[in-house]
Amino acid sequence: MLRITWDQESSPPRLRLHGRVSGAWVEELERIWAQMKGNGSNPIIVDLTDVTLVGREGRRLLVDMARQGAELEGGPLMQFTIERIRQESRNSGGHAKKGE
C-alpha cells in the first residue's frame, strides 16, 4: 500500500509518500506526478522519509521524476536509494539535486 499526500500549499510543493512504491501504486504515483507537473510546479520535493520499499518499477519512475527536476528527500534509511536514483538520473542526462 502507498499513501500519497500532495501538499500544494508548501513552497515548493511537496509530495509525501508513505509505504511501498511498487506494483499498481506506481501508476497512481505517476498519474499524480503528471498532474503536479501540469500545474507548472517546479521544483517539486518528493519526500521518501516514510517509504518502506521501492520496487523496480517504482525506482524507474523515481529516476524519471528526478530527471524532470524532482528533489528527492528522505530519512537515513532511504539515503542510499536516493543517492543511487540521483546518480542514475545524472548519468542519463537528468538534473542533479542536493549532494551532487
PDB file of N, CA and C in Angstrom:
ATOM      1  N   MET A   1       0.842  -1.182   0.000  1.00  0.00           N
ATOM      2  CA  MET A   1       0.000   0.000   0.000  1.00  0.00           C
ATOM      3  C   MET A   1       0.882   1.238   0.000  1.00  0.00           C
ATOM      4  N   LEU A   2       0.398   2.279  -0.653  1.00  0.00           N
ATOM      5  CA  LEU A   2       1.110   3.547  -0.712  1.00  0.00           C
ATOM      6  C   LEU A   2       0.116   4.668  -0.451  1.00  0.00           C
ATOM      7  N   ARG A   3       0.441   5.503   0.518  1.00  0.00           N
ATOM      8  CA  ARG A   3      -0.360   6.708   0.755  1.00  0.00           C
ATOM      9  C   ARG A   3       0.421   7.868   0.159  1.00  0.00           C
ATOM     10  N   ILE A   4      -0.263   8.680  -0.605  1.00  0.00           N
ATOM     11  CA  ILE A   4       0.350   9.817  -1.286  1.00  0.00           C
ATOM     12  C   ILE A   4      -0.317  11.083  -0.793  1.00  0.00           C
ATOM     13  N   THR A   5       0.479  12.010  -0.287  1.00  0.00           N
ATOM     14  CA  THR A   5      -0.035  13.290   0.193  1.00  0.00           C
ATOM     15  C   THR A   5       0.599  14.388  -0.655  1.00  0.00           C
ATOM     16  N   TRP A   6      -0.231  15.197  -1.245  1.00  0.00           N
ATOM     17  CA  TRP A   6       0.227  16.276  -2.111  1.00  0.00           C
ATOM     18  C   TRP A   6      -0.024  17.590  -1.389  1.00  0.00           C
ATOM     19  N   ASP A   7       1.027  18.227  -0.899  1.00  0.00           N
ATOM     20  CA  ASP A   7       0.923  19.492  -0.178  1.00  0.00           C
ATOM     21  C   ASP A   7       1.207  20.636  -1.147  1.00  0.00           C
ATOM     22  N   GLN A   8       0.142  21.191  -1.702  1.00  0.00           N
ATOM     23  CA  GLN A   8       0.273  22.269  -2.679  1.00  0.00           C
ATOM     24  C   GLN A   8       0.551  23.619  -2.029  1.00  0.00           C
ATOM     25  N   GLU A   9       0.278  23.718  -0.736  1.00  0.00           N
ATOM     26  CA  GLU A   9       0.426  24.996  -0.040  1.00  0.00           C
ATOM     27  C   GLU A   9       1.880  25.294   0.338  1.00  0.00           C
ATOM     28  N   SER A  10       2.706  24.251   0.458  1.00  0.00           N
ATOM     29  CA  SER A  10       4.102  24.493   0.815  1.00  0.00           C
ATOM     30  C   SER A  10       4.841  25.041  -0.401  1.00  0.00           C
ATOM     31  N   SER A  11       5.941  25.688  -0.132  1.00  0.00           N
ATOM     32  CA  SER A  11       6.734  26.262  -1.218  1.00  0.00           C
ATOM     33  C   SER A  11       8.166  25.779  -1.081  1.00  0.00           C
ATOM     34  N   PRO A  12       8.653  24.977  -1.991  1.00  0.00           N
ATOM     35  CA  PRO A  12       7.974  24.422  -3.153  1.00  0.00           C
ATOM     36  C   PRO A  12       6.975  23.342  -2.756  1.00  0.00           C
ATOM     37  N   PRO A  13       6.077  22.975  -3.675  1.00  0.00           N
ATOM     38  CA  PRO A  13       5.104  21.914  -3.376  1.00  0.00           C
ATOM     39  C   PRO A  13       5.820  20.623  -2.967  1.00  0.00           C
ATOM     40  N   ARG A  14       5.161  19.850  -2.121  1.00  0.00           N
ATOM     41  CA  ARG A  14       5.774  18.638  -1.573  1.00  0.00           C
ATOM     42  C   ARG A  14       4.840  17.454  -1.782  1.00  0.00           C
ATOM     43  N   LEU A  15       5.430  16.380  -2.285  1.00  0.00           N
ATOM     44  CA  LEU A  15       4.730  15.121  -2.468  1.00  0.00           C
ATOM     45  C   LEU A  15       5.300  14.158  -1.434  1.00  0.00           C
ATOM     46  N   ARG A  16       4.463  13.763  -0.460  1.00  0.00           N
ATOM     47  CA  ARG A  16       4.916  12.855   0.605  1.00  0.00           C
ATOM     48  C   ARG A  16       4.415  11.453   0.311  1.00  0.00           C
ATOM     49  N   LEU A  17       5.328  10.488   0.367  1.00  0.00           N
ATOM     50  CA  LEU A  17       4.982   9.098   0.102  1.00  0.00           C
ATOM     51  C   LEU A  17       5.145   8.296   1.380  1.00  0.00           C
ATOM     52  N   HIS A  18       4.183   7.419   1.646  1.00  0.00           N
ATOM     53  CA  HIS A  18       4.185   6.593   2.857  1.00  0.00           C
ATOM     54  C   HIS A  18       3.878   5.157   2.441  1.00  0.00           C
ATOM     55  N   GLY A  19       4.817   4.249   2.626  1.00  0.00           N
ATOM     56  CA  GLY A  19       4.569   2.843   2.301  1.00  0.00           C
ATOM     57  C   GLY A  19       5.448   2.338   1.181  1.00  0.00           C
ATOM     58  N   ARG A  20       4.835   1.532   0.294  1.00  0.00           N
ATOM     59  CA  ARG A  20       5.573   0.844  -0.764  1.00  0.00           C
ATOM     60  C   ARG A  20       5.365   1.515  -2.123  1.00  0.00           C
ATOM     61  N   VAL A  21       6.468   1.862  -2.772  1.00  0.00           N
ATOM     62  CA  VAL A  21       6.418   2.406  -4.123  1.00  0.00           C
ATOM     63  C   VAL A  21       6.650   1.223  -5.062  1.00  0.00           C
ATOM     64  N   SER A  22       5.588   0.457  -5.283  1.00  0.00           N
ATOM     65  CA  SER A  22       5.697  -0.743  -6.111  1.00  0.00           C
ATOM     66  C   SER A  22       4.321  -1.132  -6.639  1.00  0.00           C
ATOM     67  N   GLY A  23       4.325  -2.025  -7.610  1.00  0.00           N
ATOM     68  CA  GLY A  23       3.075  -2.558  -8.150  1.00  0.00           C
ATOM     69  C   GLY A  23       2.168  -1.485  -8.728  1.00  0.00           C
ATOM     70  N   ALA A  24       0.878  -1.678  -8.522  1.00  0.00           N
ATOM     71  CA  ALA A  24      -0.142  -0.774  -9.068  1.00  0.00           C
ATOM     72  C   ALA A  24      -0.013   0.642  -8.512  1.00  0.00           C
ATOM     73  N   TRP A  25       0.616   0.779  -7.352  1.00  0.00           N
ATOM     74  CA  TRP A  25       0.764   2.108  -6.739  1.00  0.00           C
ATOM     75  C   TRP A  25       1.662   3.017  -7.564  1.00  0.00           C
ATOM     76  N   VAL A  26       2.550   2.431  -8.350  1.00  0.00           N
ATOM     77  CA  VAL A  26       3.445   3.232  -9.190  1.00  0.00           C
ATOM     78  C   VAL A  26       2.626   3.997 -10.230  1.00  0.00           C
ATOM     79  N   GLU A  27       1.624   3.351 -10.808  1.00  0.00           N
ATOM     80  CA  GLU A  27       0.764   4.027 -11.782  1.00  0.00           C
ATOM     81  C   GLU A  27       0.038   5.212 -11.155  1.00  0.00           C
ATOM     82  N   GLU A  28      -0.434   5.031  -9.929  1.00  0.00           N
ATOM     83  CA  GLU A  28      -1.122   6.127  -9.234  1.00  0.00           C
ATOM     84  C   GLU A  28      -0.160   7.283  -8.967  1.00  0.00           C
ATOM     85  N   LEU A  29       1.043   6.965  -8.531  1.00  0.00           N
ATOM     86  CA  LEU A  29       2.048   7.997  -8.289  1.00  0.00           C
ATOM     87  C   LEU A  29       2.383   8.724  -9.587  1.00  0.00           C
ATOM     88  N   GLU A  30       2.511   7.983 -10.666  1.00  0.00           N
ATOM     89  CA  GLU A  30       2.822   8.589 -11.961  1.00  0.00           C
ATOM     90  C   GLU A  30       1.705   9.536 -12.404  1.00  0.00           C
ATOM     91  N   ARG A  31       0.458   9.141 -12.163  1.00  0.00           N
ATOM     92  CA  ARG A  31      -0.693   9.987 -12.513  1.00  0.00           C
ATOM     93  C   ARG A  31      -0.664  11.291 -11.720  1.00  0.00           C
ATOM     94  N   ILE A  32      -0.401  11.191 -10.430  1.00  0.00           N
ATOM     95  CA  ILE A  32      -0.353  12.378  -9.572  1.00  0.00           C
ATOM     96  C   ILE A  32       0.832  13.268  -9.955  1.00  0.00           C
ATOM     97  N   TRP A  33       1.967  12.648 -10.240  1.00  0.00           N
ATOM     98  CA  TRP A  33       3.156  13.407 -10.660  1.00  0.00           C
ATOM     99  C   TRP A  33       2.847  14.204 -11.930  1.00  0.00           C
ATOM    100  N   ALA A  34       2.204  13.573 -12.906  1.00  0.00           N
ATOM    101  CA  ALA A  34       1.865  14.260 -14.155  1.00  0.00           C
ATOM    102  C   ALA A  34       0.935  15.441 -13.884  1.00  0.00           C
ATOM    103  N   GLN A  35       0.006  15.260 -12.967  1.00  0.00           N
ATOM    104  CA  GLN A  35      -0.921  16.334 -12.612  1.00  0.00           C
ATOM    105  C   GLN A  35      -0.162  17.490 -11.958  1.00  0.00           C
ATOM    106  N   MET A  36       0.773  17.174 -11.065  1.00  0.00           N
ATOM    107  CA  MET A  36       1.556  18.227 -10.413  1.00  0.00           C
ATOM    108  C   MET A  36       2.399  18.984 -11.434  1.00  0.00           C
ATOM    109  N   LYS A  37       3.040  18.247 -12.317  1.00  0.00           N
ATOM    110  CA  LYS A  37       3.865  18.890 -13.348  1.00  0.00           C
ATOM    111  C   LYS A  37       3.000  19.740 -14.269  1.00  0.00           C
ATOM    112  N   GLY A  38       1.785  19.284 -14.544  1.00  0.00           N
ATOM    113  CA  GLY A  38       0.862  20.026 -15.394  1.00  0.00           C
ATOM    114  C   GLY A  38       0.433  21.349 -14.784  1.00  0.00           C
ATOM    115  N   ASN A  39       0.531  21.444 -13.449  1.00  0.00           N
ATOM    116  CA  ASN A  39       0.181  22.687 -12.762  1.00  0.00           C
ATOM    117  C   ASN A  39       1.332  23.688 -12.786  1.00  0.00           C
ATOM    118  N   GLY A  40       2.436  23.327 -13.416  1.00  0.00           N
ATOM    119  CA  GLY A  40       3.573  24.229 -13.528  1.00  0.00           C
ATOM    120  C   GLY A  40       4.429  24.298 -12.285  1.00  0.00           C
ATOM    121  N   SER A  41       4.244  23.376 -11.368  1.00  0.00           N
ATOM    122  CA  SER A  41       5.029  23.359 -10.140  1.00  0.00           C
ATOM    123  C   SER A  41       6.449  22.900 -10.438  1.00  0.00           C
ATOM    124  N   ASN A  42       7.410  23.730 -10.096  1.00  0.00           N
ATOM    125  CA  ASN A  42       8.805  23.342 -10.276  1.00  0.00           C
ATOM    126  C   ASN A  42       9.655  24.196  -9.362  1.00  0.00           C
ATOM    127  N   PRO A  43      10.494  23.680  -8.541  1.00  0.00           N
ATOM    128  CA  PRO A  43      10.708  22.252  -8.337  1.00  0.00           C
ATOM    129  C   PRO A  43       9.611  21.665  -7.446  1.00  0.00           C
ATOM    130  N   ILE A  44       9.585  20.374  -7.387  1.00  0.00           N
ATOM    131  CA  ILE A  44       8.682  19.644  -6.507  1.00  0.00           C
ATOM    132  C   ILE A  44       9.546  18.756  -5.620  1.00  0.00           C
ATOM    133  N   ILE A  45       9.304  18.807  -4.325  1.00  0.00           N
ATOM    134  CA  ILE A  45      10.027  17.943  -3.402  1.00  0.00           C
ATOM    135  C   ILE A  45       9.252  16.641  -3.255  1.00  0.00           C
ATOM    136  N   VAL A  46       9.943  15.531  -3.404  1.00  0.00           N
ATOM    137  CA  VAL A  46       9.346  14.215  -3.211  1.00  0.00           C
ATOM    138  C   VAL A  46       9.962  13.656  -1.931  1.00  0.00           C
ATOM    139  N   ASP A  47       9.151  13.572  -0.897  1.00  0.00           N
ATOM    140  CA  ASP A  47       9.605  13.146   0.428  1.00  0.00           C
ATOM    141  C   ASP A  47       9.414  11.638   0.576  1.00  0.00           C
ATOM    142  N   LEU A  48      10.518  10.911   0.661  1.00  0.00           N
ATOM    143  CA  LEU A  48      10.518   9.455   0.756  1.00  0.00           C
ATOM    144  C   LEU A  48      10.788   8.969   2.176  1.00  0.00           C
ATOM    145  N   THR A  49      10.715   9.863   3.152  1.00  0.00           N
ATOM    146  CA  THR A  49      11.059   9.524   4.529  1.00  0.00           C
ATOM    147  C   THR A  49      10.304   8.303   5.037  1.00  0.00           C
ATOM    148  N   ASP A  50       9.030   8.189   4.714  1.00  0.00           N
ATOM    149  CA  ASP A  50       8.208   7.093   5.233  1.00  0.00           C
ATOM    150  C   ASP A  50       8.000   5.960   4.240  1.00  0.00           C
ATOM    151  N   VAL A  51       8.857   5.887   3.220  1.00  0.00           N
ATOM    152  CA  VAL A  51       8.775   4.788   2.253  1.00  0.00           C
ATOM    153  C   VAL A  51       9.484   3.571   2.844  1.00  0.00           C
ATOM    154  N   THR A  52       8.841   2.426   2.727  1.00  0.00           N
ATOM    155  CA  THR A  52       9.409   1.189   3.279  1.00  0.00           C
ATOM    156  C   THR A  52      10.009   0.291   2.206  1.00  0.00           C
ATOM    157  N   LEU A  53       9.619   0.489   0.942  1.00  0.00           N
ATOM    158  CA  LEU A  53      10.127  -0.343  -0.147  1.00  0.00           C
ATOM    159  C   LEU A  53       9.987   0.403  -1.454  1.00  0.00           C
ATOM    160  N   VAL A  54      11.021   0.309  -2.297  1.00  0.00           N
ATOM    161  CA  VAL A  54      10.950   0.850  -3.652  1.00  0.00           C
ATOM    162  C   VAL A  54      11.192  -0.322  -4.601  1.00  0.00           C
ATOM    163  N   GLY A  55      10.143  -0.718  -5.330  1.00  0.00           N
ATOM    164  CA  GLY A  55      10.254  -1.801  -6.301  1.00  0.00           C
ATOM    165  C   GLY A  55      10.940  -1.319  -7.568  1.00  0.00           C
ATOM    166  N   ARG A  56      11.219  -2.248  -8.458  1.00  0.00           N
ATOM    167  CA  ARG A  56      11.919  -1.931  -9.710  1.00  0.00           C
ATOM    168  C   ARG A  56      11.188  -0.862 -10.511  1.00  0.00           C
ATOM    169  N   GLU A  57       9.871  -1.031 -10.680  1.00  0.00           N
ATOM    170  CA  GLU A  57       9.102  -0.064 -11.461  1.00  0.00           C
ATOM    171  C   GLU A  57       9.004   1.282 -10.738  1.00  0.00           C
ATOM    172  N   GLY A  58       8.967   1.248  -9.413  1.00  0.00           N
ATOM    173  CA  GLY A  58       8.974   2.479  -8.626  1.00  0.00           C
ATOM    174  C   GLY A  58      10.285   3.220  -8.759  1.00  0.00           C
ATOM    175  N   ARG A  59      11.364   2.474  -8.772  1.00  0.00           N
ATOM    176  CA  ARG A  59      12.689   3.086  -8.950  1.00  0.00           C
ATOM    177  C   ARG A  59      12.783   3.768 -10.312  1.00  0.00           C
ATOM    178  N   ARG A  60      12.279   3.079 -11.348  1.00  0.00           N
ATOM    179  CA  ARG A  60      12.306   3.687 -12.684  1.00  0.00           C
ATOM    180  C   ARG A  60      11.533   4.998 -12.709  1.00  0.00           C
ATOM    181  N   LEU A  61      10.373   5.018 -12.058  1.00  0.00           N
ATOM    182  CA  LEU A  61       9.582   6.243 -12.017  1.00  0.00           C
ATOM    183  C   LEU A  61      10.308   7.334 -11.235  1.00  0.00           C
ATOM    184  N   LEU A  62      10.905   6.991 -10.108  1.00  0.00           N
ATOM    185  CA  LEU A  62      11.627   7.993  -9.319  1.00  0.00           C
ATOM    186  C   LEU A  62      12.825   8.550 -10.085  1.00  0.00           C
ATOM    187  N   VAL A  63      13.514   7.715 -10.854  1.00  0.00           N
ATOM    188  CA  VAL A  63      14.612   8.201 -11.698  1.00  0.00           C
ATOM    189  C   VAL A  63      14.060   9.184 -12.720  1.00  0.00           C
ATOM    190  N   ASP A  64      12.950   8.844 -13.347  1.00  0.00           N
ATOM    191  CA  ASP A  64      12.330   9.725 -14.326  1.00  0.00           C
ATOM    192  C   ASP A  64      11.897  11.041 -13.687  1.00  0.00           C
ATOM    193  N   MET A  65      11.338  10.961 -12.494  1.00  0.00           N
ATOM    194  CA  MET A  65      10.929  12.170 -11.777  1.00  0.00           C
ATOM    195  C   MET A  65      12.150  13.039 -11.468  1.00  0.00           C
ATOM    196  N   ALA A  66      13.250  12.431 -11.064  1.00  0.00           N
ATOM    197  CA  ALA A  66      14.481  13.190 -10.789  1.00  0.00           C
ATOM    198  C   ALA A  66      15.004  13.842 -12.064  1.00  0.00           C
ATOM    199  N   ARG A  67      14.902  13.144 -13.176  1.00  0.00           N
ATOM    200  CA  ARG A  67      15.314  13.727 -14.467  1.00  0.00           C
ATOM    201  C   ARG A  67      14.490  14.963 -14.799  1.00  0.00           C
ATOM    202  N   GLN A  68      13.236  14.953 -14.363  1.00  0.00           N
ATOM    203  CA  GLN A  68      12.331  16.071 -14.643  1.00  0.00           C
ATOM    204  C   GLN A  68      12.437  17.183 -13.600  1.00  0.00           C
ATOM    205  N   GLY A  69      13.354  17.035 -12.652  1.00  0.00           N
ATOM    206  CA  GLY A  69      13.593  18.106 -11.696  1.00  0.00           C
ATOM    207  C   GLY A  69      13.086  17.875 -10.295  1.00  0.00           C
ATOM    208  N   ALA A  70      12.536  16.707  -9.995  1.00  0.00           N
ATOM    209  CA  ALA A  70      12.086  16.426  -8.625  1.00  0.00           C
ATOM    210  C   ALA A  70      13.285  16.432  -7.684  1.00  0.00           C
ATOM    211  N   GLU A  71      13.088  16.992  -6.514  1.00  0.00           N
ATOM    212  CA  GLU A  71      14.109  16.964  -5.477  1.00  0.00           C
ATOM    213  C   GLU A  71      13.723  15.891  -4.474  1.00  0.00           C
ATOM    214  N   LEU A  72      14.501  14.816  -4.431  1.00  0.00           N
ATOM    215  CA  LEU A  72      14.195  13.697  -3.555  1.00  0.00           C
ATOM    216  C   LEU A  72      14.772  13.927  -2.170  1.00  0.00           C
ATOM    217  N   GLU A  73      13.962  13.688  -1.168  1.00  0.00           N
ATOM    218  CA  GLU A  73      14.390  13.800   0.227  1.00  0.00           C
ATOM    219  C   GLU A  73      13.955  12.542   0.957  1.00  0.00           C
ATOM    220  N   GLY A  74      14.658  12.230   2.032  1.00  0.00           N
ATOM    221  CA  GLY A  74      14.273  11.066   2.822  1.00  0.00           C
ATOM    222  C   GLY A  74      15.119  10.943   4.063  1.00  0.00           C
ATOM    223  N   GLY A  75      14.685  10.078   4.939  1.00  0.00           N
ATOM    224  CA  GLY A  75      15.396   9.827   6.173  1.00  0.00           C
ATOM    225  C   GLY A  75      16.617   8.953   5.942  1.00  0.00           C
ATOM    226  N   PRO A  76      17.307   8.618   7.022  1.00  0.00           N
ATOM    227  CA  PRO A  76      18.550   7.858   6.926  1.00  0.00           C
ATOM    228  C   PRO A  76      18.399   6.515   6.207  1.00  0.00           C
ATOM    229  N   LEU A  77      17.265   5.859   6.354  1.00  0.00           N
ATOM    230  CA  LEU A  77      17.094   4.552   5.727  1.00  0.00           C
ATOM    231  C   LEU A  77      16.939   4.641   4.209  1.00  0.00           C
ATOM    232  N   MET A  78      16.576   5.789   3.707  1.00  0.00           N
ATOM    233  CA  MET A  78      16.371   5.947   2.263  1.00  0.00           C
ATOM    234  C   MET A  78      17.543   6.624   1.564  1.00  0.00           C
ATOM    235  N   GLN A  79      18.541   7.082   2.307  1.00  0.00           N
ATOM    236  CA  GLN A  79      19.617   7.851   1.686  1.00  0.00           C
ATOM    237  C   GLN A  79      20.371   7.090   0.601  1.00  0.00           C
ATOM    238  N   PHE A  80      20.662   5.820   0.819  1.00  0.00           N
ATOM    239  CA  PHE A  80      21.372   5.038  -0.195  1.00  0.00           C
ATOM    240  C   PHE A  80      20.548   4.951  -1.476  1.00  0.00           C
ATOM    241  N   THR A  81      19.269   4.644  -1.345  1.00  0.00           N
ATOM    242  CA  THR A  81      18.388   4.536  -2.509  1.00  0.00           C
ATOM    243  C   THR A  81      18.282   5.874  -3.228  1.00  0.00           C
ATOM    244  N   ILE A  82      18.126   6.944  -2.476  1.00  0.00           N
ATOM    245  CA  ILE A  82      18.018   8.278  -3.075  1.00  0.00           C
ATOM    246  C   ILE A  82      19.293   8.627  -3.833  1.00  0.00           C
ATOM    247  N   GLU A  83      20.434   8.357  -3.252  1.00  0.00           N
ATOM    248  CA  GLU A  83      21.699   8.679  -3.925  1.00  0.00           C
ATOM    249  C   GLU A  83      21.859   7.871  -5.211  1.00  0.00           C
ATOM    250  N   ARG A  84      21.465   6.607  -5.198  1.00  0.00           N
ATOM    251  CA  ARG A  84      21.539   5.785  -6.417  1.00  0.00           C
ATOM    252  C   ARG A  84      20.601   6.324  -7.495  1.00  0.00           C
ATOM    253  N   ILE A  85      19.424   6.763  -7.104  1.00  0.00           N
ATOM    254  CA  ILE A  85      18.473   7.335  -8.063  1.00  0.00           C
ATOM    255  C   ILE A  85      19.031   8.627  -8.643  1.00  0.00           C
ATOM    256  N   ARG A  86      19.589   9.479  -7.808  1.00  0.00           N
ATOM    257  CA  ARG A  86      20.194  10.729  -8.294  1.00  0.00           C
ATOM    258  C   ARG A  86      21.325  10.435  -9.266  1.00  0.00           C
ATOM    259  N   GLN A  87      22.159   9.468  -8.917  1.00  0.00           N
ATOM    260  CA  GLN A  87      23.288   9.096  -9.759  1.00  0.00           C
ATOM    261  C   GLN A  87      22.798   8.592 -11.121  1.00  0.00           C
ATOM    262  N   GLU A  88      21.807   7.736 -11.113  1.00  0.00           N
ATOM    263  CA  GLU A  88      21.254   7.220 -12.365  1.00  0.00           C
ATOM    264  C   GLU A  88      20.650   8.344 -13.199  1.00  0.00           C
ATOM    265  N   SER A  89      20.002   9.281 -12.540  1.00  0.00           N
ATOM    266  CA  SER A  89      19.413  10.424 -13.233  1.00  0.00           C
ATOM    267  C   SER A  89      20.508  11.276 -13.887  1.00  0.00           C
ATOM    268  N   ARG A  90      21.584  11.543 -13.157  1.00  0.00           N
ATOM    269  CA  ARG A  90      22.695  12.335 -13.714  1.00  0.00           C
ATOM    270  C   ARG A  90      23.337  11.616 -14.890  1.00  0.00           C
ATOM    271  N   ASN A  91      23.529  10.307 -14.754  1.00  0.00           N
ATOM    272  CA  ASN A  91      24.184   9.530 -15.813  1.00  0.00           C
ATOM    273  C   ASN A  91      23.368   9.479 -17.089  1.00  0.00           C
ATOM    274  N   SER A  92      22.075   9.726 -16.985  1.00  0.00           N
ATOM    275  CA  SER A  92      21.224   9.685 -18.173  1.00  0.00           C
ATOM    276  C   SER A  92      20.851  11.092 -18.638  1.00  0.00           C
ATOM    277  N   GLY A  93      21.580  12.084 -18.154  1.00  0.00           N
ATOM    278  CA  GLY A  93      21.370  13.442 -18.620  1.00  0.00           C
ATOM    279  C   GLY A  93      20.316  14.229 -17.889  1.00  0.00           C
ATOM    280  N   GLY A  94      19.903  13.755 -16.729  1.00  0.00           N
ATOM    281  CA  GLY A  94      18.875  14.453 -15.956  1.00  0.00           C
ATOM    282  C   GLY A  94      19.462  15.506 -15.046  1.00  0.00           C
ATOM    283  N   HIS A  95      18.619  16.091 -14.246  1.00  0.00           N
ATOM    284  CA  HIS A  95      19.024  17.094 -13.266  1.00  0.00           C
ATOM    285  C   HIS A  95      19.686  16.403 -12.091  1.00  0.00           C
ATOM    286  N   ALA A  96      20.694  17.023 -11.541  1.00  0.00           N
ATOM    287  CA  ALA A  96      21.298  16.522 -10.311  1.00  0.00           C
ATOM    288  C   ALA A  96      20.887  17.453  -9.193  1.00  0.00           C
ATOM    289  N   LYS A  97      20.422  16.893  -8.116  1.00  0.00           N
ATOM    290  CA  LYS A  97      19.947  17.694  -6.990  1.00  0.00           C
ATOM    291  C   LYS A  97      20.662  17.271  -5.720  1.00  0.00           C
ATOM    292  N   LYS A  98      20.830  18.221  -4.827  1.00  0.00           N
ATOM    293  CA  LYS A  98      21.353  18.006  -3.483  1.00  0.00           C
ATOM    294  C   LYS A  98      22.417  16.919  -3.390  1.00  0.00           C
ATOM    295  N   GLY A  99      23.594  17.318  -3.010  1.00  0.00           N
ATOM    296  CA  GLY A  99      24.667  16.371  -2.780  1.00  0.00           C
ATOM    297  C   GLY A  99      25.317  15.877  -4.069  1.00  0.00           C
ATOM    298  N   GLU A 100      25.343  16.744  -5.098  1.00  0.00           N
ATOM    299  CA  GLU A 100      25.940  16.322  -6.366  1.00  0.00           C
ATOM    300  C   GLU A 100      27.391  15.956  -6.166  1.00  0.00           C
TER     301      GLU A 100
END
